[in-house]
Amino acid sequence: MRLAAQAGRVQQFTFSHASPERLFSEISPKRRGALEAMSGTGEISLREPARRLEHDVKSVHRDIHALLETGLLEKTASGKIICPFDELRVDFTLAQAA
């Protein structure tokens, strides 16, 4: 994905969730904040998002690892963390119950 971004090509990666509740449980407001703090920064240490967000390292560590599991963040060969996306877009439809 990073190669596509570096080459100037549009990249697209899709995550699907059964419900908005499931989506918001995986991307909580704190996790979204971590993604925003890391987007476009390149490789950074685990402590850097905590410093930027002014949160304790332990809670940010937990959120970072949850985002690594979902694939929204990646761990590099050097052990640092990277957000491989320049932009994240959330799209869902709410429909009236039948």
N, C-alpha and C. Protein backbone atom coordinates (compact mmCIF):
# COMPACT_ATOMS: atom_id res chain seq x y z
N MET A 1 0.82 -1.19 0.00
CA MET A 1 0.00 0.00 0.00
C MET A 1 0.86 1.25 0.00
N ARG A 2 1.92 1.24 0.78
CA ARG A 2 2.77 2.42 0.81
C ARG A 2 3.40 2.68 -0.53
N LEU A 3 3.73 1.61 -1.27
CA LEU A 3 4.32 1.80 -2.58
C LEU A 3 3.35 2.49 -3.53
N ALA A 4 2.09 2.15 -3.43
CA ALA A 4 1.08 2.80 -4.27
C ALA A 4 0.99 4.28 -3.93
N ALA A 5 1.01 4.60 -2.64
CA ALA A 5 0.93 6.00 -2.23
C ALA A 5 2.16 6.77 -2.68
N GLN A 6 3.35 6.16 -2.55
CA GLN A 6 4.57 6.83 -2.97
C GLN A 6 4.60 7.05 -4.47
N ALA A 7 3.97 6.15 -5.23
CA ALA A 7 3.94 6.28 -6.68
C ALA A 7 2.84 7.23 -7.14
N GLY A 8 2.06 7.75 -6.21
CA GLY A 8 1.01 8.70 -6.57
C GLY A 8 -0.28 8.04 -7.02
N ARG A 9 -0.39 6.74 -6.85
CA ARG A 9 -1.61 6.03 -7.24
C ARG A 9 -2.60 6.04 -6.09
N VAL A 10 -3.86 6.07 -6.43
CA VAL A 10 -4.91 6.01 -5.41
C VAL A 10 -4.89 4.62 -4.80
N GLN A 11 -4.92 4.57 -3.50
CA GLN A 11 -4.95 3.29 -2.81
C GLN A 11 -6.31 3.12 -2.16
N GLN A 12 -6.78 1.89 -2.15
CA GLN A 12 -8.06 1.63 -1.53
C GLN A 12 -7.98 0.31 -0.78
N PHE A 13 -8.42 0.33 0.44
CA PHE A 13 -8.45 -0.84 1.29
C PHE A 13 -9.77 -0.79 2.01
N THR A 14 -10.52 -1.87 2.01
CA THR A 14 -11.87 -1.85 2.57
C THR A 14 -11.98 -2.78 3.76
N PHE A 15 -12.56 -2.27 4.83
CA PHE A 15 -12.92 -3.07 5.99
C PHE A 15 -14.43 -3.12 6.04
N SER A 16 -14.99 -4.26 6.29
CA SER A 16 -16.44 -4.38 6.41
C SER A 16 -16.80 -4.81 7.83
N HIS A 17 -17.87 -4.23 8.34
CA HIS A 17 -18.35 -4.57 9.67
C HIS A 17 -19.84 -4.86 9.58
N ALA A 18 -20.30 -5.76 10.43
CA ALA A 18 -21.70 -6.17 10.40
C ALA A 18 -22.64 -5.07 10.85
N SER A 19 -22.14 -4.12 11.64
CA SER A 19 -23.00 -3.05 12.15
C SER A 19 -22.15 -1.84 12.51
N PRO A 20 -22.78 -0.67 12.57
CA PRO A 20 -22.05 0.51 13.03
C PRO A 20 -21.50 0.33 14.45
N GLU A 21 -22.23 -0.40 15.30
CA GLU A 21 -21.77 -0.63 16.67
C GLU A 21 -20.44 -1.38 16.66
N ARG A 22 -20.32 -2.37 15.79
CA ARG A 22 -19.07 -3.14 15.69
C ARG A 22 -17.93 -2.24 15.19
N LEU A 23 -18.23 -1.42 14.21
CA LEU A 23 -17.23 -0.49 13.69
C LEU A 23 -16.74 0.43 14.80
N PHE A 24 -17.68 1.03 15.52
CA PHE A 24 -17.31 2.00 16.55
C PHE A 24 -16.66 1.34 17.77
N SER A 25 -16.87 0.04 17.96
CA SER A 25 -16.17 -0.64 19.04
C SER A 25 -14.71 -0.85 18.66
N GLU A 26 -14.42 -1.04 17.38
CA GLU A 26 -13.04 -1.23 16.93
C GLU A 26 -12.32 0.10 16.71
N ILE A 27 -13.04 1.11 16.28
CA ILE A 27 -12.44 2.42 16.07
C ILE A 27 -13.13 3.39 17.02
N SER A 28 -12.77 3.30 18.27
CA SER A 28 -13.32 4.17 19.30
C SER A 28 -12.77 5.59 19.10
N PRO A 29 -13.33 6.57 19.78
CA PRO A 29 -12.79 7.93 19.66
C PRO A 29 -11.30 8.02 19.99
N LYS A 30 -10.83 7.29 21.00
CA LYS A 30 -9.41 7.32 21.34
C LYS A 30 -8.56 6.69 20.24
N ARG A 31 -9.04 5.60 19.66
CA ARG A 31 -8.30 4.95 18.58
C ARG A 31 -8.30 5.84 17.34
N ARG A 32 -9.41 6.50 17.08
CA ARG A 32 -9.45 7.43 15.95
C ARG A 32 -8.44 8.55 16.16
N GLY A 33 -8.32 9.01 17.39
CA GLY A 33 -7.33 10.04 17.71
C GLY A 33 -5.92 9.56 17.44
N ALA A 34 -5.64 8.31 17.78
CA ALA A 34 -4.32 7.74 17.51
C ALA A 34 -4.07 7.67 16.02
N LEU A 35 -5.08 7.27 15.25
CA LEU A 35 -4.92 7.23 13.79
C LEU A 35 -4.65 8.62 13.23
N GLU A 36 -5.37 9.61 13.72
CA GLU A 36 -5.16 10.99 13.25
C GLU A 36 -3.76 11.48 13.60
N ALA A 37 -3.30 11.13 14.80
CA ALA A 37 -1.96 11.57 15.23
C ALA A 37 -0.86 10.91 14.42
N MET A 38 -1.13 9.74 13.87
CA MET A 38 -0.11 8.99 13.14
C MET A 38 -0.20 9.14 11.63
N SER A 39 -1.33 9.53 11.12
CA SER A 39 -1.52 9.60 9.67
C SER A 39 -0.52 10.55 9.02
N GLY A 40 0.20 10.03 8.05
CA GLY A 40 1.15 10.84 7.29
C GLY A 40 2.46 11.14 7.99
N THR A 41 2.72 10.51 9.15
CA THR A 41 3.94 10.82 9.90
C THR A 41 5.12 9.93 9.55
N GLY A 42 4.88 8.83 8.87
CA GLY A 42 5.94 7.86 8.64
C GLY A 42 6.11 6.99 9.87
N GLU A 43 7.24 6.31 9.96
CA GLU A 43 7.50 5.41 11.08
C GLU A 43 7.72 6.20 12.37
N ILE A 44 7.01 5.80 13.42
CA ILE A 44 7.21 6.44 14.71
C ILE A 44 7.21 5.39 15.82
N SER A 45 7.76 5.76 16.95
CA SER A 45 7.79 4.85 18.10
C SER A 45 6.41 4.79 18.73
N LEU A 46 6.22 3.82 19.57
CA LEU A 46 4.95 3.66 20.27
C LEU A 46 4.70 4.82 21.23
N ARG A 47 5.74 5.40 21.77
CA ARG A 47 5.59 6.51 22.72
C ARG A 47 5.19 7.83 22.05
N GLU A 48 5.51 7.98 20.79
CA GLU A 48 5.24 9.25 20.11
C GLU A 48 3.76 9.59 20.03
N PRO A 49 2.86 8.66 19.63
CA PRO A 49 1.43 9.01 19.64
C PRO A 49 0.94 9.38 21.03
N ALA A 50 1.45 8.71 22.06
CA ALA A 50 1.06 9.05 23.43
C ALA A 50 1.48 10.48 23.77
N ARG A 51 2.69 10.85 23.34
CA ARG A 51 3.16 12.21 23.60
C ARG A 51 2.30 13.23 22.85
N ARG A 52 2.01 12.95 21.59
CA ARG A 52 1.21 13.89 20.79
C ARG A 52 -0.20 14.05 21.33
N LEU A 53 -0.77 12.95 21.81
CA LEU A 53 -2.14 12.98 22.31
C LEU A 53 -2.23 13.37 23.79
N GLU A 54 -1.06 13.44 24.44
CA GLU A 54 -1.00 13.72 25.87
C GLU A 54 -1.80 12.71 26.68
N HIS A 55 -1.63 11.41 26.31
CA HIS A 55 -2.26 10.30 27.01
C HIS A 55 -1.16 9.42 27.59
N ASP A 56 -1.52 8.59 28.55
CA ASP A 56 -0.51 7.71 29.12
C ASP A 56 -0.16 6.61 28.11
N VAL A 57 1.09 6.19 28.16
CA VAL A 57 1.63 5.24 27.19
C VAL A 57 0.87 3.92 27.24
N LYS A 58 0.47 3.48 28.42
CA LYS A 58 -0.20 2.19 28.56
C LYS A 58 -1.52 2.15 27.78
N SER A 59 -2.34 3.17 27.90
CA SER A 59 -3.63 3.15 27.20
C SER A 59 -3.43 3.30 25.68
N VAL A 60 -2.47 4.12 25.28
CA VAL A 60 -2.20 4.27 23.84
C VAL A 60 -1.62 2.97 23.30
N HIS A 61 -0.78 2.30 24.07
CA HIS A 61 -0.21 1.01 23.69
C HIS A 61 -1.33 0.01 23.39
N ARG A 62 -2.32 -0.04 24.24
CA ARG A 62 -3.47 -0.94 24.07
C ARG A 62 -4.22 -0.60 22.78
N ASP A 63 -4.46 0.68 22.54
CA ASP A 63 -5.17 1.09 21.33
C ASP A 63 -4.36 0.82 20.07
N ILE A 64 -3.06 1.07 20.12
CA ILE A 64 -2.19 0.82 18.97
C ILE A 64 -2.22 -0.66 18.60
N HIS A 65 -2.13 -1.52 19.61
CA HIS A 65 -2.14 -2.96 19.33
C HIS A 65 -3.49 -3.42 18.77
N ALA A 66 -4.58 -2.83 19.22
CA ALA A 66 -5.89 -3.16 18.65
C ALA A 66 -5.94 -2.72 17.18
N LEU A 67 -5.39 -1.56 16.86
CA LEU A 67 -5.37 -1.08 15.47
C LEU A 67 -4.42 -1.90 14.61
N LEU A 68 -3.35 -2.41 15.19
CA LEU A 68 -2.47 -3.32 14.46
C LEU A 68 -3.22 -4.60 14.09
N GLU A 69 -4.03 -5.10 15.00
CA GLU A 69 -4.80 -6.32 14.74
C GLU A 69 -5.82 -6.13 13.63
N THR A 70 -6.40 -4.93 13.53
CA THR A 70 -7.38 -4.68 12.46
C THR A 70 -6.72 -4.40 11.12
N GLY A 71 -5.43 -4.09 11.12
CA GLY A 71 -4.73 -3.80 9.87
C GLY A 71 -4.68 -2.32 9.53
N LEU A 72 -5.20 -1.48 10.41
CA LEU A 72 -5.17 -0.04 10.15
C LEU A 72 -3.80 0.56 10.44
N LEU A 73 -3.01 -0.12 11.25
CA LEU A 73 -1.62 0.26 11.48
C LEU A 73 -0.75 -0.94 11.16
N GLU A 74 0.52 -0.68 10.88
CA GLU A 74 1.46 -1.75 10.60
C GLU A 74 2.71 -1.56 11.44
N LYS A 75 3.37 -2.67 11.76
CA LYS A 75 4.65 -2.64 12.46
C LYS A 75 5.74 -2.84 11.42
N THR A 76 6.75 -2.00 11.46
CA THR A 76 7.84 -2.08 10.49
C THR A 76 8.90 -3.07 10.97
N ALA A 77 9.84 -3.38 10.08
CA ALA A 77 10.93 -4.31 10.41
C ALA A 77 11.77 -3.78 11.57
N SER A 78 11.83 -2.46 11.72
CA SER A 78 12.60 -1.86 12.80
C SER A 78 11.83 -1.81 14.13
N GLY A 79 10.56 -2.31 14.12
CA GLY A 79 9.76 -2.33 15.33
C GLY A 79 8.96 -1.08 15.57
N LYS A 80 9.02 -0.13 14.65
CA LYS A 80 8.23 1.09 14.80
C LYS A 80 6.85 0.87 14.20
N ILE A 81 5.97 1.83 14.39
CA ILE A 81 4.59 1.74 13.94
C ILE A 81 4.38 2.75 12.81
N ILE A 82 3.55 2.37 11.83
CA ILE A 82 3.24 3.27 10.73
C ILE A 82 1.77 3.16 10.36
N CYS A 83 1.18 4.28 10.02
CA CYS A 83 -0.17 4.30 9.46
C CYS A 83 0.04 4.41 7.95
N PRO A 84 -0.25 3.34 7.19
CA PRO A 84 0.07 3.33 5.77
C PRO A 84 -0.92 4.11 4.90
N PHE A 85 -1.85 4.79 5.52
CA PHE A 85 -2.88 5.51 4.77
C PHE A 85 -2.71 7.01 4.93
N ASP A 86 -2.91 7.74 3.85
CA ASP A 86 -2.92 9.20 3.91
C ASP A 86 -4.28 9.69 4.38
N GLU A 87 -5.30 8.90 4.11
CA GLU A 87 -6.67 9.29 4.42
C GLU A 87 -7.48 8.06 4.76
N LEU A 88 -8.35 8.19 5.74
CA LEU A 88 -9.28 7.12 6.10
C LEU A 88 -10.68 7.67 5.96
N ARG A 89 -11.52 6.93 5.29
CA ARG A 89 -12.90 7.37 5.09
C ARG A 89 -13.83 6.30 5.66
N VAL A 90 -14.79 6.72 6.44
CA VAL A 90 -15.78 5.81 7.02
C VAL A 90 -17.10 6.08 6.32
N ASP A 91 -17.69 5.01 5.83
CA ASP A 91 -18.95 5.14 5.08
C ASP A 91 -19.89 4.03 5.54
N PHE A 92 -21.08 4.41 6.00
CA PHE A 92 -22.07 3.41 6.37
C PHE A 92 -23.44 3.98 6.11
N THR A 93 -24.40 3.08 5.97
CA THR A 93 -25.77 3.47 5.70
C THR A 93 -26.64 3.05 6.86
N LEU A 94 -27.46 3.96 7.34
CA LEU A 94 -28.44 3.64 8.37
C LEU A 94 -29.80 3.62 7.69
N ALA A 95 -30.48 2.52 7.84
CA ALA A 95 -31.80 2.38 7.21
C ALA A 95 -32.86 2.13 8.28
N GLN A 96 -34.05 2.55 7.98
CA GLN A 96 -35.16 2.34 8.91
C GLN A 96 -35.43 0.84 9.02
N ALA A 97 -35.66 0.38 10.24
CA ALA A 97 -35.96 -1.04 10.46
C ALA A 97 -37.27 -1.39 9.80
N ALA A 98 -37.32 -2.56 9.22
CA ALA A 98 -38.54 -3.00 8.52
C ALA A 98 -39.57 -3.54 9.46
